[in-house]
Amino acid sequence: MDKVVLGKTGLEVNKNGFGALPIQRVTKKEAVYLLQKAFYNGINYFDTARAYSDSEEKMGAAFEYTRDKIIISTKSQAQNGEEMRRHLEESLKNLRTDYIDIYQFHNPAFCPKPGDGTGLYEAALKAQEEGKIRHIGITNHRIAVAKEAIESGLYETMQFPFSYLAAEQDLKIVEMCRKENMGFIAMKGLAGGLINDSVCAYAYMNQPQFSHVAPIWGIQRETELDEFLSYQDCPPELSGELQDKIAKDKEQLTGDFCRGCGYCMPCPAGIEINNCARMSLMLRRAPSEAWLTKEWQEKMKKIEGCLHCGQCMKKCPYGLNTPELLAKNYEDYKTFL
């Protein structure tokens, strides 16, 4: 079973981390079953967030009696210190614990620092002094903020999108974390669902140059969990066949495409941007029938009501021209009907 040490935290986690965002979509009974099955099969790192509706509560129900045997990270989107303290107390209550191993600022538009006027970092330090937080981390989708956070020396972990579709600038962030002994937690290892071969995804992450990378896989179904558990006993190697698959995916997916992160939401016109802006790719990489239902036709039709207000473009961490992407995807979508 492959292990990863999260930089200067010294925390040793399974190469398979459990991303708990998707469990908000299943019942509490189903979520607890998945979480406990993961734990009893060797997974010891579980990542959630205050923003993931009831994900924390489900995790708390699953691990109340095995808390000392696992590593938990959660996140806050707070804009000031007072709000962060409130989020922290809510997370502690939901998770049924008196401490959080890694507490992360959740995709801030800037790098929180002492004396920046928000009180965010000061609040985290105080909570750490009180023993409610063991390590302070940050998550981001923005290259500039991620780079600043690494260079600041203020954070022990960085959670950042990383997969075999990573651009050169993303790889530089991964390498910077290694050099600074900063724990690197890879989110979106399946590129928001665009990568449909978990063997390729795992084999890529398991290369020697990424020995410091701890991926967290978003898991909602038992079949998904079983896939990743199977790689613990027989880790896939990056064979020529897998390399060919990766090369084909890169050729199709590299460039300006929507990653589905959802930070552009909500849309004032009611458009489900994080799915509609990448519909062309999803139609070609997943069974198309699922995207051609009456419900999805109605969702795609809302693109006709785009206000061109620019809000989505301002919030996109990848700098995409979202209205243009939506229009292109809608025109392509109609050819499938």
Protein backbone atom coordinates (compact mmCIF):
# COMPACT_ATOMS: atom_id res chain seq x y z
CA MET A 1 0.00 0.00 0.00
CA ASP A 2 1.59 3.28 -1.15
CA LYS A 3 1.95 6.05 1.44
CA VAL A 4 2.58 9.78 1.13
CA VAL A 5 4.01 12.11 3.80
CA LEU A 6 2.30 15.49 3.58
CA GLY A 7 5.42 17.61 3.71
CA LYS A 8 6.36 19.29 6.95
CA THR A 9 3.12 18.19 8.63
CA GLY A 10 4.66 14.73 8.99
CA LEU A 11 1.21 13.22 8.40
CA GLU A 12 1.40 9.92 6.54
CA VAL A 13 -1.60 9.21 4.34
CA ASN A 14 -2.65 6.47 1.97
CA LYS A 15 -2.00 7.30 -1.70
CA ASN A 16 -5.77 6.90 -2.02
CA GLY A 17 -7.45 9.84 -0.30
CA PHE A 18 -11.25 9.97 0.00
CA GLY A 19 -12.77 13.14 -1.44
CA ALA A 20 -16.08 13.55 0.36
CA LEU A 21 -17.79 16.17 -1.80
CA PRO A 22 -19.88 13.55 -3.69
CA ILE A 23 -21.31 11.91 -0.56
CA GLN A 24 -23.60 14.91 -0.12
CA ARG A 25 -25.58 13.39 -3.00
CA VAL A 26 -26.30 10.07 -1.29
CA THR A 27 -28.23 9.12 1.84
CA LYS A 28 -26.60 9.18 5.25
CA LYS A 29 -26.75 5.39 5.46
CA GLU A 30 -25.03 5.02 2.08
CA ALA A 31 -22.40 7.62 2.93
CA VAL A 32 -21.53 6.06 6.29
CA TYR A 33 -21.21 2.65 4.62
CA LEU A 34 -18.84 4.01 1.96
CA LEU A 35 -16.71 5.93 4.44
CA GLN A 36 -16.38 3.02 6.84
CA LYS A 37 -15.63 0.56 4.05
CA ALA A 38 -12.86 2.87 2.85
CA PHE A 39 -11.42 3.07 6.36
CA TYR A 40 -11.54 -0.67 7.03
CA ASN A 41 -9.75 -1.24 3.73
CA GLY A 42 -6.81 1.02 4.52
CA ILE A 43 -7.82 4.54 3.50
CA ASN A 44 -6.92 6.91 6.32
CA TYR A 45 -7.30 10.38 4.79
CA PHE A 46 -10.72 12.00 4.28
CA ASP A 47 -11.27 15.49 2.86
CA THR A 48 -14.46 17.54 3.13
CA ALA A 49 -15.57 21.18 3.46
CA ARG A 50 -18.06 23.35 5.29
CA ALA A 51 -19.49 24.22 1.86
CA TYR A 52 -20.31 20.59 0.99
CA SER A 53 -23.79 20.71 2.57
CA ASP A 54 -24.08 17.66 4.90
CA SER A 55 -20.80 15.95 3.97
CA GLU A 56 -19.20 16.83 7.32
CA GLU A 57 -22.17 15.48 9.27
CA LYS A 58 -22.03 12.16 7.41
CA MET A 59 -18.31 11.91 8.04
CA GLY A 60 -18.85 12.62 11.73
CA ALA A 61 -21.43 9.85 11.94
CA ALA A 62 -19.02 7.41 10.26
CA PHE A 63 -15.93 8.13 12.35
CA GLU A 64 -17.02 9.26 15.80
CA TYR A 65 -15.50 6.14 17.37
CA THR A 66 -12.45 5.80 15.12
CA ARG A 67 -11.43 9.46 15.02
CA ASP A 68 -7.90 8.93 16.31
CA LYS A 69 -7.13 6.48 13.51
CA ILE A 70 -7.85 8.81 10.59
CA ILE A 71 -6.73 12.16 9.18
CA ILE A 72 -9.44 14.71 8.40
CA SER A 73 -9.17 17.92 6.42
CA THR A 74 -11.96 20.41 5.94
CA LYS A 75 -12.25 23.90 4.53
CA SER A 76 -13.77 27.32 5.08
CA GLN A 77 -14.76 29.93 2.50
CA ALA A 78 -14.88 32.59 5.21
CA GLN A 79 -14.03 36.16 4.26
CA ASN A 80 -12.95 37.31 7.70
CA GLY A 81 -11.65 35.91 10.97
CA GLU A 82 -14.95 36.02 12.83
CA GLU A 83 -16.70 34.06 10.08
CA MET A 84 -13.86 31.56 9.96
CA ARG A 85 -14.16 30.90 13.69
CA ARG A 86 -17.87 30.28 13.26
CA HIS A 87 -17.24 27.89 10.38
CA LEU A 88 -14.63 26.07 12.44
CA GLU A 89 -16.98 25.55 15.36
CA GLU A 90 -19.69 24.27 12.98
CA SER A 91 -17.21 21.84 11.41
CA LEU A 92 -16.05 20.53 14.78
CA LYS A 93 -19.65 19.91 15.80
CA ASN A 94 -20.56 18.25 12.51
CA LEU A 95 -17.47 16.06 12.49
CA ARG A 96 -17.98 15.10 16.15
CA THR A 97 -14.40 15.90 17.01
CA ASP A 98 -12.46 18.43 19.04
CA TYR A 99 -9.70 18.96 16.47
CA ILE A 100 -9.15 19.02 12.71
CA ASP A 101 -5.88 17.71 11.29
CA ILE A 102 -5.69 20.10 8.32
CA TYR A 103 -7.84 23.21 8.19
CA GLN A 104 -7.81 24.86 4.77
CA PHE A 105 -8.78 28.24 3.38
CA HIS A 106 -11.16 27.21 0.59
CA ASN A 107 -10.13 28.66 -2.79
CA PRO A 108 -9.69 32.29 -1.70
CA ALA A 109 -9.19 34.90 -4.41
CA PHE A 110 -6.10 36.08 -2.53
CA CYS A 111 -3.49 34.55 -0.24
CA PRO A 112 -4.49 35.19 3.40
CA LYS A 113 -1.58 36.56 5.41
CA PRO A 114 -1.07 38.10 8.85
CA GLY A 115 -1.90 41.79 8.81
CA ASP A 116 -3.90 41.73 5.56
CA GLY A 117 -6.95 43.21 7.30
CA THR A 118 -9.20 40.16 7.04
CA GLY A 119 -8.11 38.49 10.28
CA LEU A 120 -8.29 35.11 8.55
CA TYR A 121 -4.76 33.93 9.17
CA GLU A 122 -4.75 35.30 12.71
CA ALA A 123 -7.95 33.36 13.46
CA ALA A 124 -6.37 30.17 12.12
CA LEU A 125 -3.25 30.69 14.25
CA LYS A 126 -5.35 31.23 17.37
CA ALA A 127 -7.34 28.07 16.66
CA GLN A 128 -4.06 26.21 16.18
CA GLU A 129 -2.80 27.49 19.54
CA GLU A 130 -6.03 26.23 21.13
CA GLY A 131 -5.49 22.78 19.63
CA LYS A 132 -8.57 22.95 17.40
CA ILE A 133 -6.43 22.97 14.25
CA ARG A 134 -3.24 20.95 13.88
CA HIS A 135 -2.06 22.23 10.49
CA ILE A 136 -3.01 25.21 8.32
CA GLY A 137 -3.51 24.63 4.61
CA ILE A 138 -4.95 26.32 1.57
CA THR A 139 -6.80 25.17 -1.55
CA ASN A 140 -6.83 27.02 -4.84
CA HIS A 141 -7.46 26.88 -8.57
CA ARG A 142 -5.46 30.00 -9.37
CA ILE A 143 -1.79 29.67 -10.33
CA ALA A 144 -0.88 33.12 -8.96
CA VAL A 145 -2.51 32.56 -5.56
CA ALA A 146 -1.08 29.05 -5.27
CA LYS A 147 2.41 30.29 -6.07
CA GLU A 148 2.13 33.14 -3.56
CA ALA A 149 0.92 30.75 -0.84
CA ILE A 150 3.88 28.42 -1.41
CA GLU A 151 6.39 31.26 -1.42
CA SER A 152 4.89 32.80 1.72
CA GLY A 153 5.97 29.87 3.90
CA LEU A 154 2.73 30.29 5.88
CA TYR A 155 1.05 27.06 4.80
CA GLU A 156 1.83 23.43 5.40
CA THR A 157 -0.35 21.99 2.64
CA MET A 158 -1.58 23.03 -0.79
CA GLN A 159 -4.64 21.45 -2.39
CA PHE A 160 -4.63 22.09 -6.11
CA PRO A 161 -6.19 20.56 -9.28
CA PHE A 162 -3.80 17.98 -10.71
CA SER A 163 -4.17 15.15 -13.20
CA TYR A 164 -2.43 13.90 -16.30
CA LEU A 165 -4.08 16.78 -18.15
CA ALA A 166 -1.99 19.22 -16.12
CA ALA A 167 -0.36 22.10 -17.98
CA GLU A 168 3.29 23.01 -17.55
CA GLN A 169 2.41 25.77 -15.07
CA ASP A 170 0.47 23.25 -12.94
CA LEU A 171 3.48 20.93 -12.86
CA LYS A 172 5.59 23.84 -11.61
CA ILE A 173 3.25 24.22 -8.62
CA VAL A 174 3.65 20.50 -7.83
CA GLU A 175 7.44 20.81 -8.01
CA MET A 176 7.49 24.00 -5.92
CA CYS A 177 5.65 22.18 -3.15
CA ARG A 178 8.16 19.34 -3.25
CA LYS A 179 11.10 21.74 -2.97
CA GLU A 180 9.49 23.63 -0.08
CA ASN A 181 8.48 20.40 1.71
CA MET A 182 4.86 21.50 1.50
CA GLY A 183 2.23 18.78 1.42
CA PHE A 184 0.62 18.57 -2.02
CA ILE A 185 -2.98 17.32 -2.10
CA ALA A 186 -4.21 16.66 -5.63
CA MET A 187 -7.88 17.40 -6.23
CA LYS A 188 -9.72 16.68 -9.47
CA GLY A 189 -7.48 13.75 -10.35
CA LEU A 190 -10.16 12.73 -12.85
CA ALA A 191 -10.45 16.29 -14.20
CA GLY A 192 -14.01 16.71 -13.00
CA GLY A 193 -15.17 13.53 -14.75
CA LEU A 194 -13.49 14.13 -18.11
CA ILE A 195 -10.93 11.41 -17.39
CA ASN A 196 -12.87 8.16 -17.55
CA ASP A 197 -10.05 5.68 -16.92
CA SER A 198 -9.09 5.57 -13.25
CA VAL A 199 -6.26 3.12 -13.98
CA CYS A 200 -4.52 5.76 -16.10
CA ALA A 201 -5.18 8.44 -13.49
CA TYR A 202 -3.76 6.37 -10.63
CA ALA A 203 -0.77 5.11 -12.60
CA TYR A 204 0.15 8.68 -13.58
CA MET A 205 -0.02 9.89 -9.96
CA ASN A 206 2.01 6.90 -8.81
CA GLN A 207 5.12 7.80 -10.79
CA PRO A 208 8.31 8.36 -8.72
CA GLN A 209 8.42 12.10 -9.45
CA PHE A 210 5.02 12.41 -7.77
CA SER A 211 5.85 10.42 -4.65
CA HIS A 212 4.96 13.51 -2.59
CA VAL A 213 1.53 13.90 -4.24
CA ALA A 214 -1.52 12.75 -2.24
CA PRO A 215 -4.55 12.43 -4.55
CA ILE A 216 -8.07 12.60 -3.18
CA TRP A 217 -10.62 10.85 -5.36
CA GLY A 218 -14.23 12.04 -5.30
CA ILE A 219 -16.23 8.93 -4.40
CA GLN A 220 -20.00 8.54 -4.53
CA ARG A 221 -20.57 4.88 -5.45
CA GLU A 222 -19.24 1.62 -4.05
CA THR A 223 -18.01 0.58 -7.50
CA GLU A 224 -15.83 3.70 -7.62
CA LEU A 225 -14.41 2.95 -4.19
CA ASP A 226 -13.70 -0.64 -5.17
CA GLU A 227 -11.74 0.51 -8.21
CA PHE A 228 -9.35 2.59 -6.14
CA LEU A 229 -9.08 0.00 -3.38
CA SER A 230 -7.99 -2.56 -5.96
CA TYR A 231 -4.98 -0.39 -6.87
CA GLN A 232 -3.65 -0.59 -3.31
CA ASP A 233 -2.73 -4.25 -3.60
CA CYS A 234 -1.75 -4.14 -7.28
CA PRO A 235 -0.71 -0.58 -8.18
CA PRO A 236 -0.94 -0.11 -11.96
CA GLU A 237 2.25 0.89 -13.73
CA LEU A 238 2.37 3.44 -16.51
CA SER A 239 2.73 0.96 -19.36
CA GLY A 240 2.96 1.82 -23.03
CA GLU A 241 -0.73 1.10 -23.48
CA LEU A 242 -1.69 3.49 -20.67
CA GLN A 243 0.70 6.11 -21.99
CA ASP A 244 -1.01 5.91 -25.38
CA LYS A 245 -4.42 6.44 -23.73
CA ILE A 246 -3.11 9.44 -21.84
CA ALA A 247 -1.60 10.90 -25.00
CA LYS A 248 -4.95 10.62 -26.80
CA ASP A 249 -6.77 12.30 -23.90
CA LYS A 250 -4.24 15.13 -23.82
CA GLU A 251 -4.67 15.69 -27.54
CA GLN A 252 -8.43 16.00 -27.11
CA LEU A 253 -8.64 17.80 -23.79
CA THR A 254 -5.62 20.06 -23.46
CA GLY A 255 -6.42 23.75 -23.90
CA ASP A 256 -9.43 25.90 -23.17
CA PHE A 257 -12.00 23.56 -21.71
CA CYS A 258 -14.27 23.81 -18.69
CA ARG A 259 -13.00 21.75 -15.73
CA GLY A 260 -16.41 21.81 -14.06
CA CYS A 261 -15.12 23.33 -10.80
CA GLY A 262 -18.30 25.40 -10.38
CA TYR A 263 -16.66 28.56 -9.05
CA CYS A 264 -18.49 30.53 -11.76
CA MET A 265 -21.80 29.66 -10.15
CA PRO A 266 -24.49 30.73 -9.51
CA CYS A 267 -25.47 32.13 -12.89
CA PRO A 268 -28.02 35.00 -12.83
CA ALA A 269 -29.67 33.46 -15.90
CA GLY A 270 -29.99 30.09 -14.17
CA ILE A 271 -27.53 28.30 -16.49
CA GLU A 272 -25.79 25.25 -14.97
CA ILE A 273 -22.49 26.50 -16.34
CA ASN A 274 -20.19 23.88 -14.80
CA ASN A 275 -21.87 21.16 -16.88
CA CYS A 276 -23.29 23.05 -19.85
CA ALA A 277 -19.92 24.62 -20.75
CA ARG A 278 -18.32 21.20 -21.19
CA MET A 279 -21.25 19.31 -22.65
CA SER A 280 -19.49 18.55 -25.95
CA LEU A 281 -16.74 16.70 -24.11
CA MET A 282 -19.13 14.84 -21.83
CA LEU A 283 -21.22 13.67 -24.77
CA ARG A 284 -18.15 12.10 -26.32
CA ARG A 285 -16.67 10.64 -23.14
CA ALA A 286 -19.71 9.20 -21.39
CA PRO A 287 -22.91 7.45 -22.54
CA SER A 288 -24.65 10.23 -24.43
CA GLU A 289 -28.18 9.14 -23.53
CA ALA A 290 -27.70 10.45 -20.00
CA TRP A 291 -27.09 13.97 -21.35
CA LEU A 292 -29.90 13.99 -23.91
CA THR A 293 -32.89 13.69 -21.59
CA LYS A 294 -35.69 16.23 -21.59
CA GLU A 295 -34.31 17.64 -18.34
CA TRP A 296 -30.89 18.26 -19.89
CA GLN A 297 -32.40 19.68 -23.07
CA GLU A 298 -34.19 22.26 -20.94
CA LYS A 299 -30.99 23.06 -19.04
CA MET A 300 -29.03 23.55 -22.24
CA LYS A 301 -31.79 25.72 -23.73
CA LYS A 302 -31.24 28.21 -20.90
CA ILE A 303 -28.00 29.16 -22.66
CA GLU A 304 -30.21 31.12 -25.07
CA GLY A 305 -30.95 33.43 -22.14
CA CYS A 306 -27.29 34.21 -21.36
CA LEU A 307 -27.09 37.82 -20.17
CA HIS A 308 -23.45 38.25 -21.21
CA CYS A 309 -22.96 39.98 -17.87
CA GLY A 310 -19.40 38.71 -17.54
CA GLN A 311 -19.79 37.47 -13.96
CA CYS A 312 -18.77 33.92 -14.86
CA MET A 313 -15.65 35.13 -16.69
CA LYS A 314 -14.56 37.19 -13.70
CA LYS A 315 -14.94 34.21 -11.36
CA CYS A 316 -13.37 31.57 -13.62
CA PRO A 317 -9.99 30.57 -12.12
CA TYR A 318 -8.84 29.42 -15.57
CA GLY A 319 -9.63 32.68 -17.36
CA LEU A 320 -12.03 31.08 -19.83
CA ASN A 321 -14.40 32.97 -22.11
CA THR A 322 -17.38 31.17 -20.59
CA PRO A 323 -20.20 32.73 -22.67
CA GLU A 324 -18.35 31.73 -25.83
CA LEU A 325 -17.84 28.19 -24.52
CA LEU A 326 -21.52 27.93 -23.62
CA ALA A 327 -22.59 29.05 -27.09
CA LYS A 328 -20.27 26.56 -28.83
CA ASN A 329 -21.40 23.71 -26.60
CA TYR A 330 -25.07 24.53 -27.19
CA GLU A 331 -24.67 24.52 -30.98
CA ASP A 332 -22.85 21.19 -30.80
CA TYR A 333 -25.44 19.77 -28.41
CA LYS A 334 -28.26 20.42 -30.86
CA THR A 335 -26.57 18.21 -33.44
CA PHE A 336 -27.07 15.22 -31.12
CA LEU A 337 -30.84 15.72 -30.83
